[in-house]
Amino acid sequence: MAWAVFHEEVHWSRPGSRLGFHARAKPEPQSFPHDFVDYAVSIGRATKTKPPRRQILDKFVEKS
């Protein structure tokens, strides 16, 4: 899975497959399959990002 911030709505269907994906614009990173994120980035509707850190890990690091 890949992470991206979507600036506009994106619809995409995998070629030769019944699977399709839809992302709505949000300021938070969202996780989708790599091929869908690559498509959204290629048409300028998304920006790839790193996965957000887990809150559990953040709490552990703060205590150390």
PDB file of N, CA and C in Angstrom:
ATOM      1  N   MET A   1       0.842  -1.174   0.000  1.00  0.00           N
ATOM      2  CA  MET A   1       0.000   0.000   0.000  1.00  0.00           C
ATOM      3  C   MET A   1       0.891   1.242   0.000  1.00  0.00           C
ATOM      4  N   ALA A   2       0.401   2.267  -0.652  1.00  0.00           N
ATOM      5  CA  ALA A   2       1.115   3.540  -0.731  1.00  0.00           C
ATOM      6  C   ALA A   2       0.275   4.620  -0.061  1.00  0.00           C
ATOM      7  N   TRP A   3       0.936   5.657   0.400  1.00  0.00           N
ATOM      8  CA  TRP A   3       0.262   6.761   1.083  1.00  0.00           C
ATOM      9  C   TRP A   3       0.343   8.014   0.233  1.00  0.00           C
ATOM     10  N   ALA A   4      -0.747   8.775   0.217  1.00  0.00           N
ATOM     11  CA  ALA A   4      -0.788  10.018  -0.555  1.00  0.00           C
ATOM     12  C   ALA A   4      -1.804  10.972   0.054  1.00  0.00           C
ATOM     13  N   VAL A   5      -1.599  12.261  -0.220  1.00  0.00           N
ATOM     14  CA  VAL A   5      -2.582  13.284   0.121  1.00  0.00           C
ATOM     15  C   VAL A   5      -3.281  13.633  -1.184  1.00  0.00           C
ATOM     16  N   PHE A   6      -4.590  13.485  -1.219  1.00  0.00           N
ATOM     17  CA  PHE A   6      -5.363  13.736  -2.429  1.00  0.00           C
ATOM     18  C   PHE A   6      -5.915  15.156  -2.401  1.00  0.00           C
ATOM     19  N   HIS A   7      -5.651  15.903  -3.491  1.00  0.00           N
ATOM     20  CA  HIS A   7      -6.076  17.299  -3.603  1.00  0.00           C
ATOM     21  C   HIS A   7      -7.431  17.429  -4.290  1.00  0.00           C
ATOM     22  N   GLU A   8      -7.776  16.444  -5.105  1.00  0.00           N
ATOM     23  CA  GLU A   8      -9.058  16.396  -5.815  1.00  0.00           C
ATOM     24  C   GLU A   8      -9.538  14.948  -5.820  1.00  0.00           C
ATOM     25  N   GLU A   9     -10.835  14.755  -6.070  1.00  0.00           N
ATOM     26  CA  GLU A   9     -11.365  13.393  -6.159  1.00  0.00           C
ATOM     27  C   GLU A   9     -10.746  12.667  -7.345  1.00  0.00           C
ATOM     28  N   VAL A  10     -10.544  11.371  -7.170  1.00  0.00           N
ATOM     29  CA  VAL A  10      -9.959  10.537  -8.222  1.00  0.00           C
ATOM     30  C   VAL A  10     -10.749   9.238  -8.307  1.00  0.00           C
ATOM     31  N   HIS A  11     -11.088   8.833  -9.523  1.00  0.00           N
ATOM     32  CA  HIS A  11     -11.721   7.542  -9.798  1.00  0.00           C
ATOM     33  C   HIS A  11     -10.796   6.801 -10.758  1.00  0.00           C
ATOM     34  N   TRP A  12     -10.600   5.509 -10.536  1.00  0.00           N
ATOM     35  CA  TRP A  12      -9.732   4.728 -11.412  1.00  0.00           C
ATOM     36  C   TRP A  12     -10.116   3.266 -11.330  1.00  0.00           C
ATOM     37  N   SER A  13     -10.125   2.584 -12.479  1.00  0.00           N
ATOM     38  CA  SER A  13     -10.387   1.147 -12.545  1.00  0.00           C
ATOM     39  C   SER A  13      -9.158   0.458 -13.106  1.00  0.00           C
ATOM     40  N   ARG A  14      -8.804  -0.669 -12.521  1.00  0.00           N
ATOM     41  CA  ARG A  14      -7.661  -1.424 -13.025  1.00  0.00           C
ATOM     42  C   ARG A  14      -7.999  -1.984 -14.401  1.00  0.00           C
ATOM     43  N   PRO A  15      -7.074  -1.852 -15.339  1.00  0.00           N
ATOM     44  CA  PRO A  15      -7.317  -2.403 -16.677  1.00  0.00           C
ATOM     45  C   PRO A  15      -7.520  -3.921 -16.620  1.00  0.00           C
ATOM     46  N   GLY A  16      -8.558  -4.400 -17.273  1.00  0.00           N
ATOM     47  CA  GLY A  16      -8.838  -5.829 -17.330  1.00  0.00           C
ATOM     48  C   GLY A  16      -9.321  -6.422 -16.017  1.00  0.00           C
ATOM     49  N   SER A  17      -9.823  -5.592 -15.131  1.00  0.00           N
ATOM     50  CA  SER A  17     -10.270  -6.065 -13.826  1.00  0.00           C
ATOM     51  C   SER A  17     -11.575  -5.378 -13.448  1.00  0.00           C
ATOM     52  N   ARG A  18     -12.298  -5.988 -12.545  1.00  0.00           N
ATOM     53  CA  ARG A  18     -13.524  -5.367 -12.044  1.00  0.00           C
ATOM     54  C   ARG A  18     -13.242  -4.405 -10.891  1.00  0.00           C
ATOM     55  N   LEU A  19     -12.009  -4.396 -10.412  1.00  0.00           N
ATOM     56  CA  LEU A  19     -11.661  -3.541  -9.281  1.00  0.00           C
ATOM     57  C   LEU A  19     -11.530  -2.083  -9.697  1.00  0.00           C
ATOM     58  N   GLY A  20     -12.063  -1.217  -8.879  1.00  0.00           N
ATOM     59  CA  GLY A  20     -11.935   0.215  -9.093  1.00  0.00           C
ATOM     60  C   GLY A  20     -11.713   0.896  -7.756  1.00  0.00           C
ATOM     61  N   PHE A  21     -11.134   2.085  -7.786  1.00  0.00           N
ATOM     62  CA  PHE A  21     -10.826   2.813  -6.561  1.00  0.00           C
ATOM     63  C   PHE A  21     -11.312   4.242  -6.673  1.00  0.00           C
ATOM     64  N   HIS A  22     -11.628   4.813  -5.521  1.00  0.00           N
ATOM     65  CA  HIS A  22     -12.128   6.186  -5.447  1.00  0.00           C
ATOM     66  C   HIS A  22     -11.521   6.834  -4.210  1.00  0.00           C
ATOM     67  N   ALA A  23     -10.947   8.012  -4.391  1.00  0.00           N
ATOM     68  CA  ALA A  23     -10.398   8.759  -3.252  1.00  0.00           C
ATOM     69  C   ALA A  23     -10.998  10.151  -3.254  1.00  0.00           C
ATOM     70  N   ARG A  24     -11.340  10.624  -2.077  1.00  0.00           N
ATOM     71  CA  ARG A  24     -11.845  11.989  -1.918  1.00  0.00           C
ATOM     72  C   ARG A  24     -10.725  12.879  -1.410  1.00  0.00           C
ATOM     73  N   ALA A  25     -10.814  14.148  -1.734  1.00  0.00           N
ATOM     74  CA  ALA A  25      -9.801  15.101  -1.287  1.00  0.00           C
ATOM     75  C   ALA A  25      -9.871  15.273   0.225  1.00  0.00           C
ATOM     76  N   LYS A  26      -8.725  15.098   0.891  1.00  0.00           N
ATOM     77  CA  LYS A  26      -8.612  15.273   2.342  1.00  0.00           C
ATOM     78  C   LYS A  26      -7.205  15.773   2.651  1.00  0.00           C
ATOM     79  N   PRO A  27      -7.048  16.541   3.717  1.00  0.00           N
ATOM     80  CA  PRO A  27      -5.704  17.002   4.075  1.00  0.00           C
ATOM     81  C   PRO A  27      -4.854  15.909   4.737  1.00  0.00           C
ATOM     82  N   GLU A  28      -5.491  14.819   5.196  1.00  0.00           N
ATOM     83  CA  GLU A  28      -4.759  13.735   5.841  1.00  0.00           C
ATOM     84  C   GLU A  28      -4.292  12.718   4.796  1.00  0.00           C
ATOM     85  N   PRO A  29      -3.135  12.081   5.027  1.00  0.00           N
ATOM     86  CA  PRO A  29      -2.681  11.023   4.118  1.00  0.00           C
ATOM     87  C   PRO A  29      -3.658   9.846   4.117  1.00  0.00           C
ATOM     88  N   GLN A  30      -3.821   9.240   2.943  1.00  0.00           N
ATOM     89  CA  GLN A  30      -4.697   8.084   2.785  1.00  0.00           C
ATOM     90  C   GLN A  30      -3.898   6.945   2.156  1.00  0.00           C
ATOM     91  N   SER A  31      -4.280   5.723   2.454  1.00  0.00           N
ATOM     92  CA  SER A  31      -3.584   4.545   1.968  1.00  0.00           C
ATOM     93  C   SER A  31      -4.396   3.848   0.878  1.00  0.00           C
ATOM     94  N   PHE A  32      -3.736   3.610  -0.270  1.00  0.00           N
ATOM     95  CA  PHE A  32      -4.346   2.917  -1.403  1.00  0.00           C
ATOM     96  C   PHE A  32      -3.274   2.077  -2.092  1.00  0.00           C
ATOM     97  N   PRO A  33      -3.664   1.160  -2.986  1.00  0.00           N
ATOM     98  CA  PRO A  33      -2.681   0.385  -3.740  1.00  0.00           C
ATOM     99  C   PRO A  33      -1.750   1.294  -4.560  1.00  0.00           C
ATOM    100  N   HIS A  34      -0.522   0.820  -4.750  1.00  0.00           N
ATOM    101  CA  HIS A  34       0.500   1.612  -5.436  1.00  0.00           C
ATOM    102  C   HIS A  34       0.069   2.072  -6.826  1.00  0.00           C
ATOM    103  N   ASP A  35      -0.564   1.184  -7.603  1.00  0.00           N
ATOM    104  CA  ASP A  35      -0.924   1.567  -8.967  1.00  0.00           C
ATOM    105  C   ASP A  35      -1.951   2.698  -8.987  1.00  0.00           C
ATOM    106  N   PHE A  36      -2.868   2.708  -8.042  1.00  0.00           N
ATOM    107  CA  PHE A  36      -3.852   3.789  -7.957  1.00  0.00           C
ATOM    108  C   PHE A  36      -3.186   5.102  -7.547  1.00  0.00           C
ATOM    109  N   VAL A  37      -2.315   5.053  -6.555  1.00  0.00           N
ATOM    110  CA  VAL A  37      -1.613   6.267  -6.117  1.00  0.00           C
ATOM    111  C   VAL A  37      -0.734   6.801  -7.244  1.00  0.00           C
ATOM    112  N   ASP A  38      -0.031   5.922  -7.952  1.00  0.00           N
ATOM    113  CA  ASP A  38       0.805   6.359  -9.076  1.00  0.00           C
ATOM    114  C   ASP A  38      -0.030   7.056 -10.144  1.00  0.00           C
ATOM    115  N   TYR A  39      -1.212   6.530 -10.426  1.00  0.00           N
ATOM    116  CA  TYR A  39      -2.101   7.160 -11.403  1.00  0.00           C
ATOM    117  C   TYR A  39      -2.522   8.548 -10.924  1.00  0.00           C
ATOM    118  N   ALA A  40      -2.951   8.662  -9.672  1.00  0.00           N
ATOM    119  CA  ALA A  40      -3.409   9.946  -9.133  1.00  0.00           C
ATOM    120  C   ALA A  40      -2.288  10.985  -9.148  1.00  0.00           C
ATOM    121  N   VAL A  41      -1.071  10.569  -8.837  1.00  0.00           N
ATOM    122  CA  VAL A  41       0.075  11.488  -8.871  1.00  0.00           C
ATOM    123  C   VAL A  41       0.364  11.907 -10.310  1.00  0.00           C
ATOM    124  N   SER A  42       0.261  10.965 -11.257  1.00  0.00           N
ATOM    125  CA  SER A  42       0.579  11.272 -12.658  1.00  0.00           C
ATOM    126  C   SER A  42      -0.379  12.287 -13.275  1.00  0.00           C
ATOM    127  N   ILE A  43      -1.624  12.351 -12.783  1.00  0.00           N
ATOM    128  CA  ILE A  43      -2.569  13.339 -13.323  1.00  0.00           C
ATOM    129  C   ILE A  43      -2.649  14.588 -12.444  1.00  0.00           C
ATOM    130  N   GLY A  44      -1.784  14.657 -11.423  1.00  0.00           N
ATOM    131  CA  GLY A  44      -1.686  15.859 -10.603  1.00  0.00           C
ATOM    132  C   GLY A  44      -2.756  16.025  -9.542  1.00  0.00           C
ATOM    133  N   ARG A  45      -3.426  14.961  -9.166  1.00  0.00           N
ATOM    134  CA  ARG A  45      -4.487  15.073  -8.159  1.00  0.00           C
ATOM    135  C   ARG A  45      -4.061  14.591  -6.777  1.00  0.00           C
ATOM    136  N   ALA A  46      -2.810  14.139  -6.651  1.00  0.00           N
ATOM    137  CA  ALA A  46      -2.324  13.659  -5.359  1.00  0.00           C
ATOM    138  C   ALA A  46      -0.823  13.884  -5.254  1.00  0.00           C
ATOM    139  N   THR A  47      -0.345  13.853  -4.021  1.00  0.00           N
ATOM    140  CA  THR A  47       1.081  13.948  -3.730  1.00  0.00           C
ATOM    141  C   THR A  47       1.440  12.783  -2.822  1.00  0.00           C
ATOM    142  N   LYS A  48       2.474  12.019  -3.204  1.00  0.00           N
ATOM    143  CA  LYS A  48       2.895  10.897  -2.367  1.00  0.00           C
ATOM    144  C   LYS A  48       3.453  11.413  -1.049  1.00  0.00           C
ATOM    145  N   THR A  49       3.205  10.664   0.015  1.00  0.00           N
ATOM    146  CA  THR A  49       3.733  11.003   1.332  1.00  0.00           C
ATOM    147  C   THR A  49       4.238   9.739   2.013  1.00  0.00           C
ATOM    148  N   LYS A  50       4.974   9.950   3.083  1.00  0.00           N
ATOM    149  CA  LYS A  50       5.401   8.813   3.899  1.00  0.00           C
ATOM    150  C   LYS A  50       4.224   8.388   4.773  1.00  0.00           C
ATOM    151  N   PRO A  51       4.195   7.131   5.186  1.00  0.00           N
ATOM    152  CA  PRO A  51       3.115   6.694   6.078  1.00  0.00           C
ATOM    153  C   PRO A  51       3.163   7.472   7.392  1.00  0.00           C
ATOM    154  N   PRO A  52       2.012   7.800   7.954  1.00  0.00           N
ATOM    155  CA  PRO A  52       2.019   8.496   9.243  1.00  0.00           C
ATOM    156  C   PRO A  52       2.549   7.571  10.337  1.00  0.00           C
ATOM    157  N   ARG A  53       3.165   8.166  11.332  1.00  0.00           N
ATOM    158  CA  ARG A  53       3.675   7.366  12.455  1.00  0.00           C
ATOM    159  C   ARG A  53       2.515   6.885  13.305  1.00  0.00           C
ATOM    160  N   ARG A  54       2.666   5.730  13.842  1.00  0.00           N
ATOM    161  CA  ARG A  54       1.635   5.181  14.722  1.00  0.00           C
ATOM    162  C   ARG A  54       1.686   5.903  16.058  1.00  0.00           C
ATOM    163  N   GLN A  55       0.539   6.189  16.616  1.00  0.00           N
ATOM    164  CA  GLN A  55       0.473   6.897  17.887  1.00  0.00           C
ATOM    165  C   GLN A  55       1.043   6.058  19.024  1.00  0.00           C
ATOM    166  N   ILE A  56       0.907   4.755  18.961  1.00  0.00           N
ATOM    167  CA  ILE A  56       1.434   3.883  20.012  1.00  0.00           C
ATOM    168  C   ILE A  56       2.948   4.026  20.076  1.00  0.00           C
ATOM    169  N   LEU A  57       3.604   4.017  18.923  1.00  0.00           N
ATOM    170  CA  LEU A  57       5.051   4.164  18.869  1.00  0.00           C
ATOM    171  C   LEU A  57       5.464   5.530  19.398  1.00  0.00           C
ATOM    172  N   ASP A  58       4.731   6.574  19.040  1.00  0.00           N
ATOM    173  CA  ASP A  58       5.041   7.915  19.522  1.00  0.00           C
ATOM    174  C   ASP A  58       4.980   7.977  21.043  1.00  0.00           C
ATOM    175  N   LYS A  59       3.984   7.345  21.658  1.00  0.00           N
ATOM    176  CA  LYS A  59       3.859   7.351  23.115  1.00  0.00           C
ATOM    177  C   LYS A  59       5.025   6.614  23.758  1.00  0.00           C
ATOM    178  N   PHE A  60       5.469   5.516  23.139  1.00  0.00           N
ATOM    179  CA  PHE A  60       6.593   4.758  23.666  1.00  0.00           C
ATOM    180  C   PHE A  60       7.870   5.584  23.588  1.00  0.00           C
ATOM    181  N   VAL A  61       8.092   6.271  22.482  1.00  0.00           N
ATOM    182  CA  VAL A  61       9.297   7.074  22.297  1.00  0.00           C
ATOM    183  C   VAL A  61       9.322   8.225  23.299  1.00  0.00           C
ATOM    184  N   GLU A  62       8.169   8.836  23.591  1.00  0.00           N
ATOM    185  CA  GLU A  62       8.106   9.943  24.544  1.00  0.00           C
ATOM    186  C   GLU A  62       8.495   9.496  25.945  1.00  0.00           C
ATOM    187  N   LYS A  63       8.152   8.263  26.326  1.00  0.00           N
ATOM    188  CA  LYS A  63       8.455   7.764  27.667  1.00  0.00           C
ATOM    189  C   LYS A  63       9.929   7.416  27.827  1.00  0.00           C
ATOM    190  N   SER A  64      10.606   7.084  26.738  1.00  0.00           N
ATOM    191  CA  SER A  64      12.012   6.655  26.802  1.00  0.00           C
ATOM    192  C   SER A  64      12.938   7.796  27.111  1.00  0.00           C
TER     193      SER A  64
END
